[in-house]
Amino acid sequence: MSEDRTGRAGRLWSSARGNGPHFVLLHPGGTDSRALGPLVAELTDRYRVITPDQRGHGRTPDREGPLSYAAMAEDTIAFLDAEAEAPVHLLGYSDGAVIALTVAVRRPDLVRDLVVAAGVHHHDGWEPGVLEGEAEVPVFMVDAYAEVSPDGREHYGQVVEKLRQMHAGEPAFTDTDLAGLDLPVLVLVGDDDEVRLEHAVAMYRALPRGELAVVPHASHGVLVEKPQLCARLITDFHAADKPATFAPRRRRPGR
């Protein structure tokens, strides 16, 4: 079963595939839900996979004013309230990971568990030079935007500039914010990611119910490069009957 439409709330266009527990995937910035296609294909035999396009991305039009993770999280919260069977499995990829983390902090009742894929909890978590490279937008990304955006090809430069301004000071979650998130969270990165590995480890350590996966021979494109392995890691993370580990140091029994 599949469905593509603009939702009743939050005005986000979305696609849904498969049947089963609702699993909402949030795409990276500067692109749209099509970027999640390889992973979606690995998940639709287990889940109802729902992929909204954020404002100014894909088939969802931009709005007046700046972009912020908070605004996109509020759009997503409205979408989940109206379009999904909460609490949902939630995954965010890169910028989508920050949106998903913001949703989980603000509305934990909507989130069963969370996958933070190739994302940061603070803007200092990116490798040096990553944000400076935002001015160099590949032509294929402009072409992909123009294929579906209701705002037209010429608007993409405005979206990129909004993202650049957002990234300069966001996100800015603290260890205290993460420590208050009492739900299962999988931190997933490539071993050669744009996210500093030290930052990913710090996020994992700050989360009371965190798990960590570092995918070998993978970059910031980890979900596209190794969708089968990532899907296996995610479905194992979702398992309700995880065995106790042999020699835990930080994980409490039952967690």
C-alpha atoms as a PDB file:
ATOM      1  CA  MET A   1       0.000   0.000   0.000  1.00  0.00           C
ATOM      2  CA  SER A   2       1.388   3.416  -0.966  1.00  0.00           C
ATOM      3  CA  GLU A   3       0.180   6.964  -0.757  1.00  0.00           C
ATOM      4  CA  ASP A   4       1.534  10.404  -1.729  1.00  0.00           C
ATOM      5  CA  ARG A   5      -0.262  13.533  -0.585  1.00  0.00           C
ATOM      6  CA  THR A   6      -0.201  16.861   1.190  1.00  0.00           C
ATOM      7  CA  GLY A   7      -1.225  16.342   4.808  1.00  0.00           C
ATOM      8  CA  ARG A   8      -4.167  17.942   6.568  1.00  0.00           C
ATOM      9  CA  ALA A   9      -1.981  19.628   9.193  1.00  0.00           C
ATOM     10  CA  GLY A  10       1.360  21.355   8.943  1.00  0.00           C
ATOM     11  CA  ARG A  11       1.000  21.558   5.147  1.00  0.00           C
ATOM     12  CA  LEU A  12       3.761  19.004   4.616  1.00  0.00           C
ATOM     13  CA  TRP A  13       3.681  16.831   1.515  1.00  0.00           C
ATOM     14  CA  SER A  14       4.355  13.220   2.399  1.00  0.00           C
ATOM     15  CA  SER A  15       4.704   9.739   0.989  1.00  0.00           C
ATOM     16  CA  ALA A  16       3.778   6.496   2.753  1.00  0.00           C
ATOM     17  CA  ARG A  17       4.780   2.957   1.831  1.00  0.00           C
ATOM     18  CA  GLY A  18       4.204  -0.481   3.325  1.00  0.00           C
ATOM     19  CA  ASN A  19       2.166  -1.733   6.267  1.00  0.00           C
ATOM     20  CA  GLY A  20       2.925  -2.161   9.935  1.00  0.00           C
ATOM     21  CA  PRO A  21       3.979   0.110  12.801  1.00  0.00           C
ATOM     22  CA  HIS A  22       4.335   3.726  11.706  1.00  0.00           C
ATOM     23  CA  PHE A  23       7.949   4.687  11.077  1.00  0.00           C
ATOM     24  CA  VAL A  24       8.477   8.369  10.168  1.00  0.00           C
ATOM     25  CA  LEU A  25      11.731   9.294   8.408  1.00  0.00           C
ATOM     26  CA  LEU A  26      12.943  12.917   8.162  1.00  0.00           C
ATOM     27  CA  HIS A  27      15.227  13.819   5.260  1.00  0.00           C
ATOM     28  CA  PRO A  28      18.458  15.874   5.191  1.00  0.00           C
ATOM     29  CA  GLY A  29      18.504  19.610   4.548  1.00  0.00           C
ATOM     30  CA  GLY A  30      18.818  20.938   1.018  1.00  0.00           C
ATOM     31  CA  THR A  31      17.217  17.822  -0.436  1.00  0.00           C
ATOM     32  CA  ASP A  32      13.956  15.954   0.189  1.00  0.00           C
ATOM     33  CA  SER A  33      12.427  12.596   1.068  1.00  0.00           C
ATOM     34  CA  ARG A  34      13.662  11.040  -2.184  1.00  0.00           C
ATOM     35  CA  ALA A  35      17.105  10.927  -0.545  1.00  0.00           C
ATOM     36  CA  LEU A  36      15.741   8.265   1.804  1.00  0.00           C
ATOM     37  CA  GLY A  37      14.628   5.948  -1.020  1.00  0.00           C
ATOM     38  CA  PRO A  38      17.295   3.227  -0.567  1.00  0.00           C
ATOM     39  CA  LEU A  39      16.541   2.886   3.145  1.00  0.00           C
ATOM     40  CA  VAL A  40      12.767   3.051   2.620  1.00  0.00           C
ATOM     41  CA  ALA A  41      13.025   0.129   0.201  1.00  0.00           C
ATOM     42  CA  GLU A  42      14.642  -1.956   2.953  1.00  0.00           C
ATOM     43  CA  LEU A  43      11.970  -1.133   5.553  1.00  0.00           C
ATOM     44  CA  THR A  44       8.586  -1.382   3.836  1.00  0.00           C
ATOM     45  CA  ASP A  45       8.204  -5.106   4.521  1.00  0.00           C
ATOM     46  CA  ARG A  46       8.123  -4.364   8.275  1.00  0.00           C
ATOM     47  CA  TYR A  47       6.703  -0.855   8.686  1.00  0.00           C
ATOM     48  CA  ARG A  48       4.343   1.762   7.373  1.00  0.00           C
ATOM     49  CA  VAL A  49       7.176   4.098   6.295  1.00  0.00           C
ATOM     50  CA  ILE A  50       6.119   7.756   6.153  1.00  0.00           C
ATOM     51  CA  THR A  51       8.401  10.400   4.647  1.00  0.00           C
ATOM     52  CA  PRO A  52       7.298  14.054   4.807  1.00  0.00           C
ATOM     53  CA  ASP A  53       9.049  16.877   2.944  1.00  0.00           C
ATOM     54  CA  GLN A  54       9.928  19.783   5.225  1.00  0.00           C
ATOM     55  CA  ARG A  55       9.003  23.381   4.372  1.00  0.00           C
ATOM     56  CA  GLY A  56      11.085  24.688   1.461  1.00  0.00           C
ATOM     57  CA  HIS A  57      12.123  21.149   0.533  1.00  0.00           C
ATOM     58  CA  GLY A  58      10.827  18.763  -2.101  1.00  0.00           C
ATOM     59  CA  ARG A  59       7.132  19.169  -2.809  1.00  0.00           C
ATOM     60  CA  THR A  60       6.402  21.325   0.258  1.00  0.00           C
ATOM     61  CA  PRO A  61       6.559  25.057  -0.517  1.00  0.00           C
ATOM     62  CA  ASP A  62       8.746  27.475   1.382  1.00  0.00           C
ATOM     63  CA  ARG A  63       7.288  30.111   3.700  1.00  0.00           C
ATOM     64  CA  GLU A  64       8.179  33.689   4.476  1.00  0.00           C
ATOM     65  CA  GLY A  65      10.916  34.217   7.034  1.00  0.00           C
ATOM     66  CA  PRO A  66      13.943  32.228   8.145  1.00  0.00           C
ATOM     67  CA  LEU A  67      14.265  28.486   8.505  1.00  0.00           C
ATOM     68  CA  SER A  68      14.837  27.034  11.957  1.00  0.00           C
ATOM     69  CA  TYR A  69      14.924  23.579  13.460  1.00  0.00           C
ATOM     70  CA  ALA A  70      12.265  24.692  15.937  1.00  0.00           C
ATOM     71  CA  ALA A  71       9.854  25.751  13.170  1.00  0.00           C
ATOM     72  CA  MET A  72      10.384  22.540  11.219  1.00  0.00           C
ATOM     73  CA  ALA A  73       9.939  20.521  14.408  1.00  0.00           C
ATOM     74  CA  GLU A  74       6.611  22.258  15.032  1.00  0.00           C
ATOM     75  CA  ASP A  75       5.548  21.433  11.460  1.00  0.00           C
ATOM     76  CA  THR A  76       6.519  17.817  12.111  1.00  0.00           C
ATOM     77  CA  ILE A  77       4.677  17.710  15.440  1.00  0.00           C
ATOM     78  CA  ALA A  78       1.510  18.948  13.725  1.00  0.00           C
ATOM     79  CA  PHE A  79       2.048  16.336  11.021  1.00  0.00           C
ATOM     80  CA  LEU A  80       2.481  13.514  13.543  1.00  0.00           C
ATOM     81  CA  ASP A  81      -0.592  14.617  15.493  1.00  0.00           C
ATOM     82  CA  ALA A  82      -2.714  14.512  12.346  1.00  0.00           C
ATOM     83  CA  GLU A  83      -1.184  11.896  10.064  1.00  0.00           C
ATOM     84  CA  ALA A  84       0.494   9.172  12.135  1.00  0.00           C
ATOM     85  CA  GLU A  85      -0.382   6.622  14.780  1.00  0.00           C
ATOM     86  CA  ALA A  86       1.635   7.961  17.690  1.00  0.00           C
ATOM     87  CA  PRO A  87       3.863   7.122  19.326  1.00  0.00           C
ATOM     88  CA  VAL A  88       5.894   6.418  16.195  1.00  0.00           C
ATOM     89  CA  HIS A  89       9.309   5.082  15.441  1.00  0.00           C
ATOM     90  CA  LEU A  90      11.155   8.245  14.345  1.00  0.00           C
ATOM     91  CA  LEU A  91      14.366   8.638  12.335  1.00  0.00           C
ATOM     92  CA  GLY A  92      16.095  11.791  11.226  1.00  0.00           C
ATOM     93  CA  TYR A  93      19.016  12.052   8.814  1.00  0.00           C
ATOM     94  CA  SER A  94      21.511  14.960   9.045  1.00  0.00           C
ATOM     95  CA  ASP A  95      19.328  18.106   9.421  1.00  0.00           C
ATOM     96  CA  GLY A  96      16.393  15.733   9.766  1.00  0.00           C
ATOM     97  CA  ALA A  97      18.144  14.215  12.782  1.00  0.00           C
ATOM     98  CA  VAL A  98      18.143  17.591  14.522  1.00  0.00           C
ATOM     99  CA  ILE A  99      14.452  18.078  13.701  1.00  0.00           C
ATOM    100  CA  ALA A 100      13.678  14.591  15.032  1.00  0.00           C
ATOM    101  CA  LEU A 101      15.679  15.245  18.209  1.00  0.00           C
ATOM    102  CA  THR A 102      13.808  18.527  18.706  1.00  0.00           C
ATOM    103  CA  VAL A 103      10.469  16.748  18.272  1.00  0.00           C
ATOM    104  CA  ALA A 104      11.468  14.104  20.822  1.00  0.00           C
ATOM    105  CA  VAL A 105      12.557  16.701  23.383  1.00  0.00           C
ATOM    106  CA  ARG A 106       9.392  18.780  22.949  1.00  0.00           C
ATOM    107  CA  ARG A 107       6.844  15.998  22.511  1.00  0.00           C
ATOM    108  CA  PRO A 108       8.216  12.685  23.814  1.00  0.00           C
ATOM    109  CA  ASP A 109       4.656  11.347  23.890  1.00  0.00           C
ATOM    110  CA  LEU A 110       4.733  11.224  20.070  1.00  0.00           C
ATOM    111  CA  VAL A 111       7.960   9.213  19.855  1.00  0.00           C
ATOM    112  CA  ARG A 112       8.379   5.531  20.660  1.00  0.00           C
ATOM    113  CA  ASP A 113      12.096   5.582  19.902  1.00  0.00           C
ATOM    114  CA  LEU A 114      14.502   7.709  17.904  1.00  0.00           C
ATOM    115  CA  VAL A 115      17.316   7.165  15.392  1.00  0.00           C
ATOM    116  CA  VAL A 116      19.717  10.097  15.045  1.00  0.00           C
ATOM    117  CA  ALA A 117      21.508   9.329  11.760  1.00  0.00           C
ATOM    118  CA  ALA A 118      24.531  11.421  10.763  1.00  0.00           C
ATOM    119  CA  GLY A 119      23.272  14.314  12.882  1.00  0.00           C
ATOM    120  CA  VAL A 120      24.553  16.644  15.575  1.00  0.00           C
ATOM    121  CA  HIS A 121      23.035  17.954  18.788  1.00  0.00           C
ATOM    122  CA  HIS A 122      25.189  21.108  18.733  1.00  0.00           C
ATOM    123  CA  HIS A 123      26.478  23.073  15.765  1.00  0.00           C
ATOM    124  CA  ASP A 124      30.067  22.538  16.883  1.00  0.00           C
ATOM    125  CA  GLY A 125      29.637  18.836  16.162  1.00  0.00           C
ATOM    126  CA  TRP A 126      30.449  19.138  12.447  1.00  0.00           C
ATOM    127  CA  GLU A 127      33.928  18.381  11.140  1.00  0.00           C
ATOM    128  CA  PRO A 128      35.969  21.524  10.352  1.00  0.00           C
ATOM    129  CA  GLY A 129      35.107  22.995   6.972  1.00  0.00           C
ATOM    130  CA  VAL A 130      31.761  21.242   6.543  1.00  0.00           C
ATOM    131  CA  LEU A 131      29.596  24.326   7.044  1.00  0.00           C
ATOM    132  CA  GLU A 132      31.976  26.526   5.054  1.00  0.00           C
ATOM    133  CA  GLY A 133      31.401  24.222   2.074  1.00  0.00           C
ATOM    134  CA  GLU A 134      27.674  25.041   1.946  1.00  0.00           C
ATOM    135  CA  ALA A 135      28.276  27.824  -0.569  1.00  0.00           C
ATOM    136  CA  GLU A 136      29.348  25.205  -3.145  1.00  0.00           C
ATOM    137  CA  VAL A 137      26.017  23.616  -4.079  1.00  0.00           C
ATOM    138  CA  PRO A 138      26.304  20.750  -6.600  1.00  0.00           C
ATOM    139  CA  VAL A 139      24.304  21.225  -9.776  1.00  0.00           C
ATOM    140  CA  PHE A 140      22.570  17.863  -9.295  1.00  0.00           C
ATOM    141  CA  MET A 141      21.001  19.162  -6.060  1.00  0.00           C
ATOM    142  CA  VAL A 142      19.646  22.228  -7.855  1.00  0.00           C
ATOM    143  CA  ASP A 143      18.315  20.008 -10.635  1.00  0.00           C
ATOM    144  CA  ALA A 144      16.648  17.660  -8.136  1.00  0.00           C
ATOM    145  CA  TYR A 145      15.010  20.605  -6.352  1.00  0.00           C
ATOM    146  CA  ALA A 146      13.717  22.017  -9.645  1.00  0.00           C
ATOM    147  CA  GLU A 147      12.142  18.672 -10.598  1.00  0.00           C
ATOM    148  CA  VAL A 148       9.515  18.821  -7.841  1.00  0.00           C
ATOM    149  CA  SER A 149       9.535  22.145  -5.989  1.00  0.00           C
ATOM    150  CA  PRO A 150       6.403  24.281  -6.328  1.00  0.00           C
ATOM    151  CA  ASP A 151       8.622  27.337  -5.795  1.00  0.00           C
ATOM    152  CA  GLY A 152      10.681  26.867  -8.963  1.00  0.00           C
ATOM    153  CA  ARG A 153      14.386  26.451  -9.638  1.00  0.00           C
ATOM    154  CA  GLU A 154      15.289  30.067  -8.911  1.00  0.00           C
ATOM    155  CA  HIS A 155      14.124  29.776  -5.300  1.00  0.00           C
ATOM    156  CA  TYR A 156      16.701  27.152  -4.354  1.00  0.00           C
ATOM    157  CA  GLY A 157      19.347  29.794  -3.674  1.00  0.00           C
ATOM    158  CA  GLN A 158      17.085  31.355  -1.050  1.00  0.00           C
ATOM    159  CA  VAL A 159      16.616  27.982   0.659  1.00  0.00           C
ATOM    160  CA  VAL A 160      20.383  27.408   0.705  1.00  0.00           C
ATOM    161  CA  GLU A 161      20.947  30.830   2.264  1.00  0.00           C
ATOM    162  CA  LYS A 162      18.302  30.176   4.913  1.00  0.00           C
ATOM    163  CA  LEU A 163      19.979  26.874   5.737  1.00  0.00           C
ATOM    164  CA  ARG A 164      23.391  28.572   5.932  1.00  0.00           C
ATOM    165  CA  GLN A 165      22.080  31.107   8.431  1.00  0.00           C
ATOM    166  CA  MET A 166      20.355  28.386  10.463  1.00  0.00           C
ATOM    167  CA  HIS A 167      23.475  26.235  10.634  1.00  0.00           C
ATOM    168  CA  ALA A 168      25.578  29.128  11.916  1.00  0.00           C
ATOM    169  CA  GLY A 169      23.950  29.010  15.356  1.00  0.00           C
ATOM    170  CA  GLU A 170      21.842  25.857  15.520  1.00  0.00           C
ATOM    171  CA  PRO A 171      21.319  23.378  17.037  1.00  0.00           C
ATOM    172  CA  ALA A 172      22.478  24.045  20.592  1.00  0.00           C
ATOM    173  CA  PHE A 173      21.253  21.192  22.774  1.00  0.00           C
ATOM    174  CA  THR A 174      23.104  20.646  26.035  1.00  0.00           C
ATOM    175  CA  ASP A 175      24.020  17.448  27.872  1.00  0.00           C
ATOM    176  CA  THR A 176      21.210  18.298  30.288  1.00  0.00           C
ATOM    177  CA  ASP A 177      18.724  18.383  27.401  1.00  0.00           C
ATOM    178  CA  LEU A 178      19.900  14.969  26.236  1.00  0.00           C
ATOM    179  CA  ALA A 179      19.887  13.527  29.754  1.00  0.00           C
ATOM    180  CA  GLY A 180      16.191  14.402  30.050  1.00  0.00           C
ATOM    181  CA  LEU A 181      15.268  12.350  26.982  1.00  0.00           C
ATOM    182  CA  ASP A 182      14.100   9.108  28.573  1.00  0.00           C
ATOM    183  CA  LEU A 183      13.433   7.013  25.489  1.00  0.00           C
ATOM    184  CA  PRO A 184      15.581   4.667  23.389  1.00  0.00           C
ATOM    185  CA  VAL A 185      17.873   6.588  21.006  1.00  0.00           C
ATOM    186  CA  LEU A 186      20.228   5.076  18.437  1.00  0.00           C
ATOM    187  CA  VAL A 187      23.083   7.362  17.382  1.00  0.00           C
ATOM    188  CA  LEU A 188      24.213   6.170  13.935  1.00  0.00           C
ATOM    189  CA  VAL A 189      27.136   7.624  11.961  1.00  0.00           C
ATOM    190  CA  GLY A 190      29.579   6.623   9.270  1.00  0.00           C
ATOM    191  CA  ASP A 191      33.189   6.138  10.330  1.00  0.00           C
ATOM    192  CA  ASP A 192      34.171   8.900   7.864  1.00  0.00           C
ATOM    193  CA  ASP A 193      31.150  11.116   8.511  1.00  0.00           C
ATOM    194  CA  GLU A 194      30.870  14.903   8.421  1.00  0.00           C
ATOM    195  CA  VAL A 195      29.834  14.569  12.069  1.00  0.00           C
ATOM    196  CA  ARG A 196      32.850  14.398  14.371  1.00  0.00           C
ATOM    197  CA  LEU A 197      33.027  10.923  15.892  1.00  0.00           C
ATOM    198  CA  GLU A 198      33.868  12.473  19.252  1.00  0.00           C
ATOM    199  CA  HIS A 199      30.621  14.420  19.071  1.00  0.00           C
ATOM    200  CA  ALA A 200      28.590  11.310  18.253  1.00  0.00           C
ATOM    201  CA  VAL A 201      30.164   9.475  21.191  1.00  0.00           C
ATOM    202  CA  ALA A 202      29.439  12.427  23.498  1.00  0.00           C
ATOM    203  CA  MET A 203      25.794  12.381  22.382  1.00  0.00           C
ATOM    204  CA  TYR A 204      25.578   8.645  23.060  1.00  0.00           C
ATOM    205  CA  ARG A 205      27.103   9.051  26.514  1.00  0.00           C
ATOM    206  CA  ALA A 206      24.741  11.889  27.463  1.00  0.00           C
ATOM    207  CA  LEU A 207      21.610   9.920  26.560  1.00  0.00           C
ATOM    208  CA  PRO A 208      20.217   7.772  29.391  1.00  0.00           C
ATOM    209  CA  ARG A 209      18.979   5.086  26.972  1.00  0.00           C
ATOM    210  CA  GLY A 210      21.398   5.591  24.126  1.00  0.00           C
ATOM    211  CA  GLU A 211      22.888   3.080  21.714  1.00  0.00           C
ATOM    212  CA  LEU A 212      25.721   3.751  19.267  1.00  0.00           C
ATOM    213  CA  ALA A 213      26.437   2.393  15.777  1.00  0.00           C
ATOM    214  CA  VAL A 214      29.495   3.443  13.753  1.00  0.00           C
ATOM    215  CA  VAL A 215      29.163   2.038  10.237  1.00  0.00           C
ATOM    216  CA  PRO A 216      32.497   1.083   8.658  1.00  0.00           C
ATOM    217  CA  HIS A 217      33.601   2.423   5.283  1.00  0.00           C
ATOM    218  CA  ALA A 218      30.760   4.948   5.242  1.00  0.00           C
ATOM    219  CA  SER A 219      30.545   8.725   4.910  1.00  0.00           C
ATOM    220  CA  HIS A 220      27.808  11.276   5.575  1.00  0.00           C
ATOM    221  CA  GLY A 221      25.880   9.350   2.927  1.00  0.00           C
ATOM    222  CA  VAL A 222      25.748   6.330   5.243  1.00  0.00           C
ATOM    223  CA  LEU A 223      22.028   5.554   4.784  1.00  0.00           C
ATOM    224  CA  VAL A 224      22.417   5.604   1.002  1.00  0.00           C
ATOM    225  CA  GLU A 225      25.768   3.828   0.887  1.00  0.00           C
ATOM    226  CA  LYS A 226      24.792   0.932   3.166  1.00  0.00           C
ATOM    227  CA  PRO A 227      20.994   0.800   3.369  1.00  0.00           C
ATOM    228  CA  GLN A 228      20.821  -2.941   4.081  1.00  0.00           C
ATOM    229  CA  LEU A 229      23.237  -2.777   6.996  1.00  0.00           C
ATOM    230  CA  CYS A 230      21.588   0.374   8.372  1.00  0.00           C
ATOM    231  CA  ALA A 231      18.142  -1.236   8.110  1.00  0.00           C
ATOM    232  CA  ARG A 232      19.417  -4.268  10.038  1.00  0.00           C
ATOM    233  CA  LEU A 233      20.882  -2.031  12.752  1.00  0.00           C
ATOM    234  CA  ILE A 234      17.626  -0.079  12.987  1.00  0.00           C
ATOM    235  CA  THR A 235      15.332  -3.106  13.143  1.00  0.00           C
ATOM    236  CA  ASP A 236      17.600  -4.692  15.781  1.00  0.00           C
ATOM    237  CA  PHE A 237      17.383  -1.430  17.720  1.00  0.00           C
ATOM    238  CA  HIS A 238      13.587  -1.563  17.538  1.00  0.00           C
ATOM    239  CA  ALA A 239      13.411  -5.156  18.801  1.00  0.00           C
ATOM    240  CA  ALA A 240      11.323  -5.589  21.933  1.00  0.00           C
ATOM    241  CA  ASP A 241      13.177  -8.697  23.110  1.00  0.00           C
ATOM    242  CA  LYS A 242      16.805  -7.575  23.208  1.00  0.00           C
ATOM    243  CA  PRO A 243      18.938  -9.952  25.259  1.00  0.00           C
ATOM    244  CA  ALA A 244      20.845  -8.687  28.261  1.00  0.00           C
ATOM    245  CA  THR A 245      24.451  -7.823  27.446  1.00  0.00           C
ATOM    246  CA  PHE A 246      27.163  -9.950  29.034  1.00  0.00           C
ATOM    247  CA  ALA A 247      29.214  -7.292  30.835  1.00  0.00           C
ATOM    248  CA  PRO A 248      27.361  -3.930  30.853  1.00  0.00           C
ATOM    249  CA  ARG A 249      29.148  -0.864  32.242  1.00  0.00           C
ATOM    250  CA  ARG A 250      26.599   1.930  31.768  1.00  0.00           C
ATOM    251  CA  ARG A 251      23.386   0.246  30.622  1.00  0.00           C
ATOM    252  CA  ARG A 252      20.897  -0.523  33.368  1.00  0.00           C
ATOM    253  CA  PRO A 253      19.088  -3.889  33.353  1.00  0.00           C
ATOM    254  CA  GLY A 254      16.066  -3.753  31.063  1.00  0.00           C
ATOM    255  CA  ARG A 255      17.491  -0.838  29.107  1.00  0.00           C
END
